[in-house]
Amino acid sequence: MLSNRFLSSVGGTNQRLVLLILNFRLPPVTFALWRHAHVRIVADGGANRLYDALSEGSMQQDRLLSRSDYVPDIIRGDLDSIRPDVLDYYSKLGTQVVDESGDQDSTDLQKCIACAHELIASRPGDLQGASIFAAGAFGGRIDHVLSSLCTLHRHEGEKIILCGDGNLVRLLPCGHTDLEPDLDVEGPACGLVAMAAPATASSQGLKWNLESTQLEVQGLQSTSNTLAGSRVSVDTDQPLLWMTEFRDPLEE
């Protein structure tokens, strides 16, 4: 069962939540967040992951997972990865399929975020201020991982969380940010990384706090840091990647 603290941190309790599913191994928390999400958008390769994760007899905490209970609202992408049987299955159940094969300059994550923006703009009454949680965001090729981290920088100031391969990652904007990590599932390992530009940052709530410390690609980064408690604050003059070790509460 997901704690209210964790749900609040990803936008599932007090805010709206848009769930994205990408083409890497899906953590079990995906299916719990599904029930809290207002919209579920799946990349074309992510549809295979979703379909296969819900094979007959799949269980989660003694609960049978049925494919028919996890039907995406939208499948979006260039459709080169999705298997014909998966496409046929979800199409027949009413999933909207958006073919973007003409766009080869954006990634699946970027296409899904763009789709989320379109829905939020078209449904301000029930989606305004929605957070975006992308499951299956990490794993496999390092160029995909780096591209996903770069994508976060395109959306400074938005609440977008990437989850996968035992990590939660979000972008902290310039200025002051207060964080309340759920220690039951996050940490103790954490990090602050300047990727787009050198940053001068200070922090509270970490084992090794920063004190007007310069972080940069060619110099020091606050990797292998540790959470000292359930409250962290960060001040920075440039966007910083905030990453925490993630222990899926529903992982067997």
C-alpha atoms as a PDB file:
ATOM      1  CA  MET A   1       0.000   0.000   0.000  1.00  0.00           C
ATOM      2  CA  LEU A   2       1.314   3.473  -0.876  1.00  0.00           C
ATOM      3  CA  SER A   3       1.692   5.948   1.974  1.00  0.00           C
ATOM      4  CA  ASN A   4      -0.108   9.275   1.856  1.00  0.00           C
ATOM      5  CA  ARG A   5       3.286  10.941   2.154  1.00  0.00           C
ATOM      6  CA  PHE A   6       4.534   9.288  -1.013  1.00  0.00           C
ATOM      7  CA  LEU A   7       1.305   9.965  -2.887  1.00  0.00           C
ATOM      8  CA  SER A   8       1.440  13.588  -1.845  1.00  0.00           C
ATOM      9  CA  SER A   9       5.051  13.875  -2.998  1.00  0.00           C
ATOM     10  CA  VAL A  10       4.140  12.679  -6.512  1.00  0.00           C
ATOM     11  CA  GLY A  11       0.873  14.598  -6.672  1.00  0.00           C
ATOM     12  CA  GLY A  12      -1.516  11.726  -6.118  1.00  0.00           C
ATOM     13  CA  THR A  13      -3.343  12.935  -3.013  1.00  0.00           C
ATOM     14  CA  ASN A  14      -3.758  16.711  -3.055  1.00  0.00           C
ATOM     15  CA  GLN A  15      -3.014  17.296  -6.721  1.00  0.00           C
ATOM     16  CA  ARG A  16      -3.831  15.862 -10.123  1.00  0.00           C
ATOM     17  CA  LEU A  17      -1.606  13.117 -11.508  1.00  0.00           C
ATOM     18  CA  VAL A  18      -0.791  12.210 -15.113  1.00  0.00           C
ATOM     19  CA  LEU A  19       0.926   8.824 -15.379  1.00  0.00           C
ATOM     20  CA  LEU A  20       3.321   8.113 -18.252  1.00  0.00           C
ATOM     21  CA  ILE A  21       4.583   4.617 -19.059  1.00  0.00           C
ATOM     22  CA  LEU A  22       7.832   4.255 -20.990  1.00  0.00           C
ATOM     23  CA  ASN A  23       9.728   1.367 -22.525  1.00  0.00           C
ATOM     24  CA  PHE A  24      11.812   0.038 -19.627  1.00  0.00           C
ATOM     25  CA  ARG A  25      10.981  -2.350 -16.808  1.00  0.00           C
ATOM     26  CA  LEU A  26       7.938  -1.097 -14.935  1.00  0.00           C
ATOM     27  CA  PRO A  27       8.246  -0.942 -11.147  1.00  0.00           C
ATOM     28  CA  PRO A  28       5.288  -2.450  -9.284  1.00  0.00           C
ATOM     29  CA  VAL A  29       4.401   1.001  -7.940  1.00  0.00           C
ATOM     30  CA  THR A  30       3.206   1.776 -11.492  1.00  0.00           C
ATOM     31  CA  PHE A  31       0.039  -0.239 -10.971  1.00  0.00           C
ATOM     32  CA  ALA A  32      -0.755   1.349  -7.616  1.00  0.00           C
ATOM     33  CA  LEU A  33      -0.272   4.839  -9.044  1.00  0.00           C
ATOM     34  CA  TRP A  34      -2.505   3.846 -11.973  1.00  0.00           C
ATOM     35  CA  ARG A  35      -5.497   3.880  -9.635  1.00  0.00           C
ATOM     36  CA  HIS A  36      -4.659   7.417  -8.467  1.00  0.00           C
ATOM     37  CA  ALA A  37      -3.914   8.848 -11.917  1.00  0.00           C
ATOM     38  CA  HIS A  38      -6.398  11.040 -13.750  1.00  0.00           C
ATOM     39  CA  VAL A  39      -4.863  10.243 -17.157  1.00  0.00           C
ATOM     40  CA  ARG A  40      -2.634   7.364 -18.325  1.00  0.00           C
ATOM     41  CA  ILE A  41      -0.457   7.955 -21.379  1.00  0.00           C
ATOM     42  CA  VAL A  42       1.682   5.129 -22.736  1.00  0.00           C
ATOM     43  CA  ALA A  43       4.573   5.302 -25.192  1.00  0.00           C
ATOM     44  CA  ASP A  44       4.263   2.731 -27.962  1.00  0.00           C
ATOM     45  CA  GLY A  45       7.053   0.507 -26.607  1.00  0.00           C
ATOM     46  CA  GLY A  46       5.695   1.076 -23.103  1.00  0.00           C
ATOM     47  CA  ALA A  47       2.457  -0.560 -24.230  1.00  0.00           C
ATOM     48  CA  ASN A  48       4.358  -3.829 -24.687  1.00  0.00           C
ATOM     49  CA  ARG A  49       5.779  -3.473 -21.173  1.00  0.00           C
ATOM     50  CA  LEU A  50       2.336  -2.847 -19.721  1.00  0.00           C
ATOM     51  CA  TYR A  51       0.766  -5.738 -21.611  1.00  0.00           C
ATOM     52  CA  ASP A  52       3.524  -8.198 -20.680  1.00  0.00           C
ATOM     53  CA  ALA A  53       3.623  -7.117 -17.024  1.00  0.00           C
ATOM     54  CA  LEU A  54      -0.051  -8.020 -16.805  1.00  0.00           C
ATOM     55  CA  SER A  55       0.207 -11.512 -18.205  1.00  0.00           C
ATOM     56  CA  GLU A  56      -2.320 -14.026 -16.939  1.00  0.00           C
ATOM     57  CA  GLY A  57      -1.737 -14.830 -13.293  1.00  0.00           C
ATOM     58  CA  SER A  58       0.292 -11.688 -12.490  1.00  0.00           C
ATOM     59  CA  MET A  59       0.053 -10.861  -8.819  1.00  0.00           C
ATOM     60  CA  GLN A  60       0.787  -7.827  -6.666  1.00  0.00           C
ATOM     61  CA  GLN A  61       0.527  -8.213  -2.909  1.00  0.00           C
ATOM     62  CA  ASP A  62      -1.878 -11.143  -3.307  1.00  0.00           C
ATOM     63  CA  ARG A  63      -4.034  -9.184  -5.743  1.00  0.00           C
ATOM     64  CA  LEU A  64      -4.578 -10.535  -9.248  1.00  0.00           C
ATOM     65  CA  LEU A  65      -3.759  -7.970 -11.902  1.00  0.00           C
ATOM     66  CA  SER A  66      -6.057  -8.088 -14.900  1.00  0.00           C
ATOM     67  CA  ARG A  67      -5.159  -6.508 -18.240  1.00  0.00           C
ATOM     68  CA  SER A  68      -8.705  -5.263 -18.642  1.00  0.00           C
ATOM     69  CA  ASP A  69      -8.304  -3.145 -15.484  1.00  0.00           C
ATOM     70  CA  TYR A  70      -5.250  -1.326 -16.900  1.00  0.00           C
ATOM     71  CA  VAL A  71      -6.268   0.062 -20.271  1.00  0.00           C
ATOM     72  CA  PRO A  72      -4.374   3.247 -21.281  1.00  0.00           C
ATOM     73  CA  ASP A  73      -6.246   6.374 -22.243  1.00  0.00           C
ATOM     74  CA  ILE A  74      -3.711   7.123 -24.991  1.00  0.00           C
ATOM     75  CA  ILE A  75      -0.873   5.292 -26.751  1.00  0.00           C
ATOM     76  CA  ARG A  76       1.398   7.813 -28.422  1.00  0.00           C
ATOM     77  CA  GLY A  77       4.592   7.464 -30.432  1.00  0.00           C
ATOM     78  CA  ASP A  78       5.991   6.540 -33.811  1.00  0.00           C
ATOM     79  CA  LEU A  79       4.468   3.050 -33.391  1.00  0.00           C
ATOM     80  CA  ASP A  80       7.632   1.269 -34.514  1.00  0.00           C
ATOM     81  CA  SER A  81       8.016  -0.597 -31.204  1.00  0.00           C
ATOM     82  CA  ILE A  82       4.521  -1.706 -30.309  1.00  0.00           C
ATOM     83  CA  ARG A  83       3.668  -5.278 -31.282  1.00  0.00           C
ATOM     84  CA  PRO A  84       0.643  -5.797 -33.557  1.00  0.00           C
ATOM     85  CA  ASP A  85      -1.135  -7.985 -30.999  1.00  0.00           C
ATOM     86  CA  VAL A  86      -0.697  -5.345 -28.293  1.00  0.00           C
ATOM     87  CA  LEU A  87      -1.900  -2.549 -30.565  1.00  0.00           C
ATOM     88  CA  ASP A  88      -4.929  -4.593 -31.571  1.00  0.00           C
ATOM     89  CA  TYR A  89      -5.763  -5.479 -27.947  1.00  0.00           C
ATOM     90  CA  TYR A  90      -5.775  -1.923 -26.619  1.00  0.00           C
ATOM     91  CA  SER A  91      -7.403  -0.443 -29.735  1.00  0.00           C
ATOM     92  CA  LYS A  92     -10.366  -2.786 -29.327  1.00  0.00           C
ATOM     93  CA  LEU A  93     -10.739  -1.689 -25.695  1.00  0.00           C
ATOM     94  CA  GLY A  94     -11.004   1.964 -26.680  1.00  0.00           C
ATOM     95  CA  THR A  95      -7.481   3.303 -26.231  1.00  0.00           C
ATOM     96  CA  GLN A  96      -6.790   6.313 -28.432  1.00  0.00           C
ATOM     97  CA  VAL A  97      -3.758   5.610 -30.629  1.00  0.00           C
ATOM     98  CA  VAL A  98      -1.796   8.632 -31.893  1.00  0.00           C
ATOM     99  CA  ASP A  99       0.672   7.943 -34.705  1.00  0.00           C
ATOM    100  CA  GLU A 100       3.590  10.377 -34.614  1.00  0.00           C
ATOM    101  CA  SER A 101       5.860   8.503 -37.008  1.00  0.00           C
ATOM    102  CA  GLY A 102       6.417  11.779 -38.864  1.00  0.00           C
ATOM    103  CA  ASP A 103       8.239  13.224 -35.867  1.00  0.00           C
ATOM    104  CA  GLN A 104      11.710  11.708 -35.546  1.00  0.00           C
ATOM    105  CA  ASP A 105      13.210  14.644 -33.645  1.00  0.00           C
ATOM    106  CA  SER A 106      11.598  13.970 -30.270  1.00  0.00           C
ATOM    107  CA  THR A 107      11.823  11.004 -27.913  1.00  0.00           C
ATOM    108  CA  ASP A 108       8.964   8.928 -26.524  1.00  0.00           C
ATOM    109  CA  LEU A 109       9.242  10.810 -23.222  1.00  0.00           C
ATOM    110  CA  GLN A 110       9.039  14.154 -24.997  1.00  0.00           C
ATOM    111  CA  LYS A 111       6.037  12.994 -27.035  1.00  0.00           C
ATOM    112  CA  CYS A 112       4.251  11.809 -23.890  1.00  0.00           C
ATOM    113  CA  ILE A 113       4.971  15.046 -22.004  1.00  0.00           C
ATOM    114  CA  ALA A 114       3.674  17.029 -24.980  1.00  0.00           C
ATOM    115  CA  CYS A 115       0.530  14.903 -24.921  1.00  0.00           C
ATOM    116  CA  ALA A 116       0.119  15.562 -21.200  1.00  0.00           C
ATOM    117  CA  HIS A 117       0.435  19.309 -21.828  1.00  0.00           C
ATOM    118  CA  GLU A 118      -2.243  19.146 -24.529  1.00  0.00           C
ATOM    119  CA  LEU A 119      -4.658  17.347 -22.212  1.00  0.00           C
ATOM    120  CA  ILE A 120      -3.975  19.701 -19.304  1.00  0.00           C
ATOM    121  CA  ALA A 121      -4.616  22.708 -21.558  1.00  0.00           C
ATOM    122  CA  SER A 122      -7.842  21.198 -22.913  1.00  0.00           C
ATOM    123  CA  ARG A 123      -9.160  20.131 -19.503  1.00  0.00           C
ATOM    124  CA  PRO A 124      -8.240  22.940 -17.091  1.00  0.00           C
ATOM    125  CA  GLY A 125     -11.103  22.096 -14.785  1.00  0.00           C
ATOM    126  CA  ASP A 126      -9.835  18.671 -13.739  1.00  0.00           C
ATOM    127  CA  LEU A 127      -6.171  18.670 -14.814  1.00  0.00           C
ATOM    128  CA  GLN A 128      -4.902  22.163 -14.036  1.00  0.00           C
ATOM    129  CA  GLY A 129      -1.690  21.959 -12.006  1.00  0.00           C
ATOM    130  CA  ALA A 130      -1.292  18.242 -12.684  1.00  0.00           C
ATOM    131  CA  SER A 131       1.964  16.515 -11.848  1.00  0.00           C
ATOM    132  CA  ILE A 132       3.570  14.102 -14.302  1.00  0.00           C
ATOM    133  CA  PHE A 133       5.031  10.786 -13.126  1.00  0.00           C
ATOM    134  CA  ALA A 134       6.940   8.756 -15.727  1.00  0.00           C
ATOM    135  CA  ALA A 135       7.379   5.067 -14.874  1.00  0.00           C
ATOM    136  CA  GLY A 136       9.921   2.923 -16.681  1.00  0.00           C
ATOM    137  CA  ALA A 137      12.072   5.981 -17.382  1.00  0.00           C
ATOM    138  CA  PHE A 138      15.494   4.436 -16.728  1.00  0.00           C
ATOM    139  CA  GLY A 139      17.332   1.337 -17.842  1.00  0.00           C
ATOM    140  CA  GLY A 140      19.071   0.076 -20.917  1.00  0.00           C
ATOM    141  CA  ARG A 141      21.131   2.444 -23.032  1.00  0.00           C
ATOM    142  CA  ILE A 142      22.914   5.364 -21.421  1.00  0.00           C
ATOM    143  CA  ASP A 143      22.014   7.708 -24.301  1.00  0.00           C
ATOM    144  CA  HIS A 144      18.342   7.191 -23.467  1.00  0.00           C
ATOM    145  CA  VAL A 145      19.006   7.981 -19.809  1.00  0.00           C
ATOM    146  CA  LEU A 146      20.934  11.143 -20.657  1.00  0.00           C
ATOM    147  CA  SER A 147      18.214  12.217 -23.069  1.00  0.00           C
ATOM    148  CA  SER A 148      15.590  11.830 -20.332  1.00  0.00           C
ATOM    149  CA  LEU A 149      17.650  13.940 -17.933  1.00  0.00           C
ATOM    150  CA  CYS A 150      18.065  16.586 -20.634  1.00  0.00           C
ATOM    151  CA  THR A 151      14.307  16.540 -21.182  1.00  0.00           C
ATOM    152  CA  LEU A 152      13.734  17.518 -17.547  1.00  0.00           C
ATOM    153  CA  HIS A 153      15.708  20.705 -18.196  1.00  0.00           C
ATOM    154  CA  ARG A 154      13.246  21.664 -20.924  1.00  0.00           C
ATOM    155  CA  HIS A 155      10.535  21.825 -18.288  1.00  0.00           C
ATOM    156  CA  GLU A 156      12.041  23.780 -15.416  1.00  0.00           C
ATOM    157  CA  GLY A 157       9.348  24.727 -12.943  1.00  0.00           C
ATOM    158  CA  GLU A 158       7.076  21.808 -13.836  1.00  0.00           C
ATOM    159  CA  LYS A 159       6.522  18.897 -11.483  1.00  0.00           C
ATOM    160  CA  ILE A 160       7.817  15.962 -13.509  1.00  0.00           C
ATOM    161  CA  ILE A 161       9.207  12.881 -11.767  1.00  0.00           C
ATOM    162  CA  LEU A 162      11.108  10.135 -13.562  1.00  0.00           C
ATOM    163  CA  CYS A 163      11.060   6.686 -11.961  1.00  0.00           C
ATOM    164  CA  GLY A 164      12.887   3.526 -12.883  1.00  0.00           C
ATOM    165  CA  ASP A 165      15.737   1.166 -12.130  1.00  0.00           C
ATOM    166  CA  GLY A 166      15.662   2.028  -8.415  1.00  0.00           C
ATOM    167  CA  ASN A 167      15.725   5.820  -8.825  1.00  0.00           C
ATOM    168  CA  LEU A 168      13.470   8.839  -8.545  1.00  0.00           C
ATOM    169  CA  VAL A 169      14.680  11.964 -10.358  1.00  0.00           C
ATOM    170  CA  ARG A 170      13.223  15.441 -10.656  1.00  0.00           C
ATOM    171  CA  LEU A 171      14.551  18.878 -11.590  1.00  0.00           C
ATOM    172  CA  LEU A 172      14.819  21.574  -8.935  1.00  0.00           C
ATOM    173  CA  PRO A 173      14.339  25.063 -10.393  1.00  0.00           C
ATOM    174  CA  CYS A 174      16.382  28.134  -9.576  1.00  0.00           C
ATOM    175  CA  GLY A 175      15.657  29.522  -6.129  1.00  0.00           C
ATOM    176  CA  HIS A 176      14.482  27.783  -2.962  1.00  0.00           C
ATOM    177  CA  THR A 177      12.871  24.333  -2.880  1.00  0.00           C
ATOM    178  CA  ASP A 178      11.573  22.396   0.130  1.00  0.00           C
ATOM    179  CA  LEU A 179      11.472  18.613  -0.217  1.00  0.00           C
ATOM    180  CA  GLU A 180       9.851  15.986   1.985  1.00  0.00           C
ATOM    181  CA  PRO A 181      11.179  12.594   0.861  1.00  0.00           C
ATOM    182  CA  ASP A 182       9.316   9.535   2.126  1.00  0.00           C
ATOM    183  CA  LEU A 183      12.047   7.713   4.050  1.00  0.00           C
ATOM    184  CA  ASP A 184      10.096   4.460   3.844  1.00  0.00           C
ATOM    185  CA  VAL A 185      10.807   4.302   0.117  1.00  0.00           C
ATOM    186  CA  GLU A 186      13.388   6.997  -0.655  1.00  0.00           C
ATOM    187  CA  GLY A 187      17.070   7.084   0.242  1.00  0.00           C
ATOM    188  CA  PRO A 188      19.218   6.961   2.118  1.00  0.00           C
ATOM    189  CA  ALA A 189      21.353   7.661  -0.982  1.00  0.00           C
ATOM    190  CA  CYS A 190      20.642  10.901  -2.811  1.00  0.00           C
ATOM    191  CA  GLY A 191      22.373  13.403  -5.028  1.00  0.00           C
ATOM    192  CA  LEU A 192      22.326  16.907  -6.447  1.00  0.00           C
ATOM    193  CA  VAL A 193      23.798  17.271  -9.922  1.00  0.00           C
ATOM    194  CA  ALA A 194      24.337  20.343 -12.088  1.00  0.00           C
ATOM    195  CA  MET A 195      23.977  19.261 -15.693  1.00  0.00           C
ATOM    196  CA  ALA A 196      22.963  22.249 -17.818  1.00  0.00           C
ATOM    197  CA  ALA A 197      25.258  24.868 -16.268  1.00  0.00           C
ATOM    198  CA  PRO A 198      27.512  25.372 -13.234  1.00  0.00           C
ATOM    199  CA  ALA A 199      25.415  26.046 -10.128  1.00  0.00           C
ATOM    200  CA  THR A 200      26.087  27.525  -6.715  1.00  0.00           C
ATOM    201  CA  ALA A 201      23.955  25.691  -4.180  1.00  0.00           C
ATOM    202  CA  SER A 202      23.286  25.386  -0.465  1.00  0.00           C
ATOM    203  CA  SER A 203      21.279  22.725   1.336  1.00  0.00           C
ATOM    204  CA  GLN A 204      19.880  21.614   4.669  1.00  0.00           C
ATOM    205  CA  GLY A 205      18.805  18.107   5.660  1.00  0.00           C
ATOM    206  CA  LEU A 206      21.654  16.164   4.055  1.00  0.00           C
ATOM    207  CA  LYS A 207      24.526  14.352   5.730  1.00  0.00           C
ATOM    208  CA  TRP A 208      26.951  16.470   3.701  1.00  0.00           C
ATOM    209  CA  ASN A 209      25.238  19.808   3.223  1.00  0.00           C
ATOM    210  CA  LEU A 210      26.276  22.281   0.563  1.00  0.00           C
ATOM    211  CA  GLU A 211      27.311  25.778   1.609  1.00  0.00           C
ATOM    212  CA  SER A 212      27.396  28.030  -1.441  1.00  0.00           C
ATOM    213  CA  THR A 213      29.123  25.116  -3.151  1.00  0.00           C
ATOM    214  CA  GLN A 214      29.782  25.225  -6.871  1.00  0.00           C
ATOM    215  CA  LEU A 215      28.566  22.136  -8.724  1.00  0.00           C
ATOM    216  CA  GLU A 216      29.507  21.562 -12.352  1.00  0.00           C
ATOM    217  CA  VAL A 217      30.049  18.876 -14.963  1.00  0.00           C
ATOM    218  CA  GLN A 218      33.798  19.410 -14.995  1.00  0.00           C
ATOM    219  CA  GLY A 219      34.116  19.641 -11.230  1.00  0.00           C
ATOM    220  CA  LEU A 220      32.363  18.678  -8.007  1.00  0.00           C
ATOM    221  CA  GLN A 221      28.911  17.086  -7.959  1.00  0.00           C
ATOM    222  CA  SER A 222      27.013  16.113  -4.806  1.00  0.00           C
ATOM    223  CA  THR A 223      26.776  12.414  -5.594  1.00  0.00           C
ATOM    224  CA  SER A 224      26.625   9.636  -2.977  1.00  0.00           C
ATOM    225  CA  ASN A 225      25.121  12.031  -0.470  1.00  0.00           C
ATOM    226  CA  THR A 226      22.712  10.796   2.216  1.00  0.00           C
ATOM    227  CA  LEU A 227      19.376  11.964   3.576  1.00  0.00           C
ATOM    228  CA  ALA A 228      19.703  13.069   7.193  1.00  0.00           C
ATOM    229  CA  GLY A 229      15.960  13.345   7.786  1.00  0.00           C
ATOM    230  CA  SER A 230      12.563  13.704   6.171  1.00  0.00           C
ATOM    231  CA  ARG A 231      12.963  17.378   5.284  1.00  0.00           C
ATOM    232  CA  VAL A 232      15.447  18.805   2.800  1.00  0.00           C
ATOM    233  CA  SER A 233      15.798  22.326   1.475  1.00  0.00           C
ATOM    234  CA  VAL A 234      17.910  23.455  -1.458  1.00  0.00           C
ATOM    235  CA  ASP A 235      18.833  26.907  -2.714  1.00  0.00           C
ATOM    236  CA  THR A 236      20.425  27.142  -6.133  1.00  0.00           C
ATOM    237  CA  ASP A 237      21.112  29.747  -8.804  1.00  0.00           C
ATOM    238  CA  GLN A 238      20.791  27.169 -11.610  1.00  0.00           C
ATOM    239  CA  PRO A 239      18.515  24.133 -12.076  1.00  0.00           C
ATOM    240  CA  LEU A 240      19.727  20.985 -10.320  1.00  0.00           C
ATOM    241  CA  LEU A 241      18.816  17.335 -10.762  1.00  0.00           C
ATOM    242  CA  TRP A 242      17.602  15.903  -7.446  1.00  0.00           C
ATOM    243  CA  MET A 243      17.805  12.122  -7.313  1.00  0.00           C
ATOM    244  CA  THR A 244      16.993   9.652  -4.582  1.00  0.00           C
ATOM    245  CA  GLU A 245      17.406   5.927  -4.283  1.00  0.00           C
ATOM    246  CA  PHE A 246      13.939   4.379  -4.606  1.00  0.00           C
ATOM    247  CA  ARG A 247      12.791   1.186  -2.899  1.00  0.00           C
ATOM    248  CA  ASP A 248       9.495   0.259  -4.471  1.00  0.00           C
ATOM    249  CA  PRO A 249       7.016  -0.318  -1.633  1.00  0.00           C
ATOM    250  CA  LEU A 250       5.296  -3.020  -3.698  1.00  0.00           C
ATOM    251  CA  GLU A 251       8.431  -4.827  -4.861  1.00  0.00           C
ATOM    252  CA  GLU A 252       8.405  -8.462  -3.850  1.00  0.00           C
END
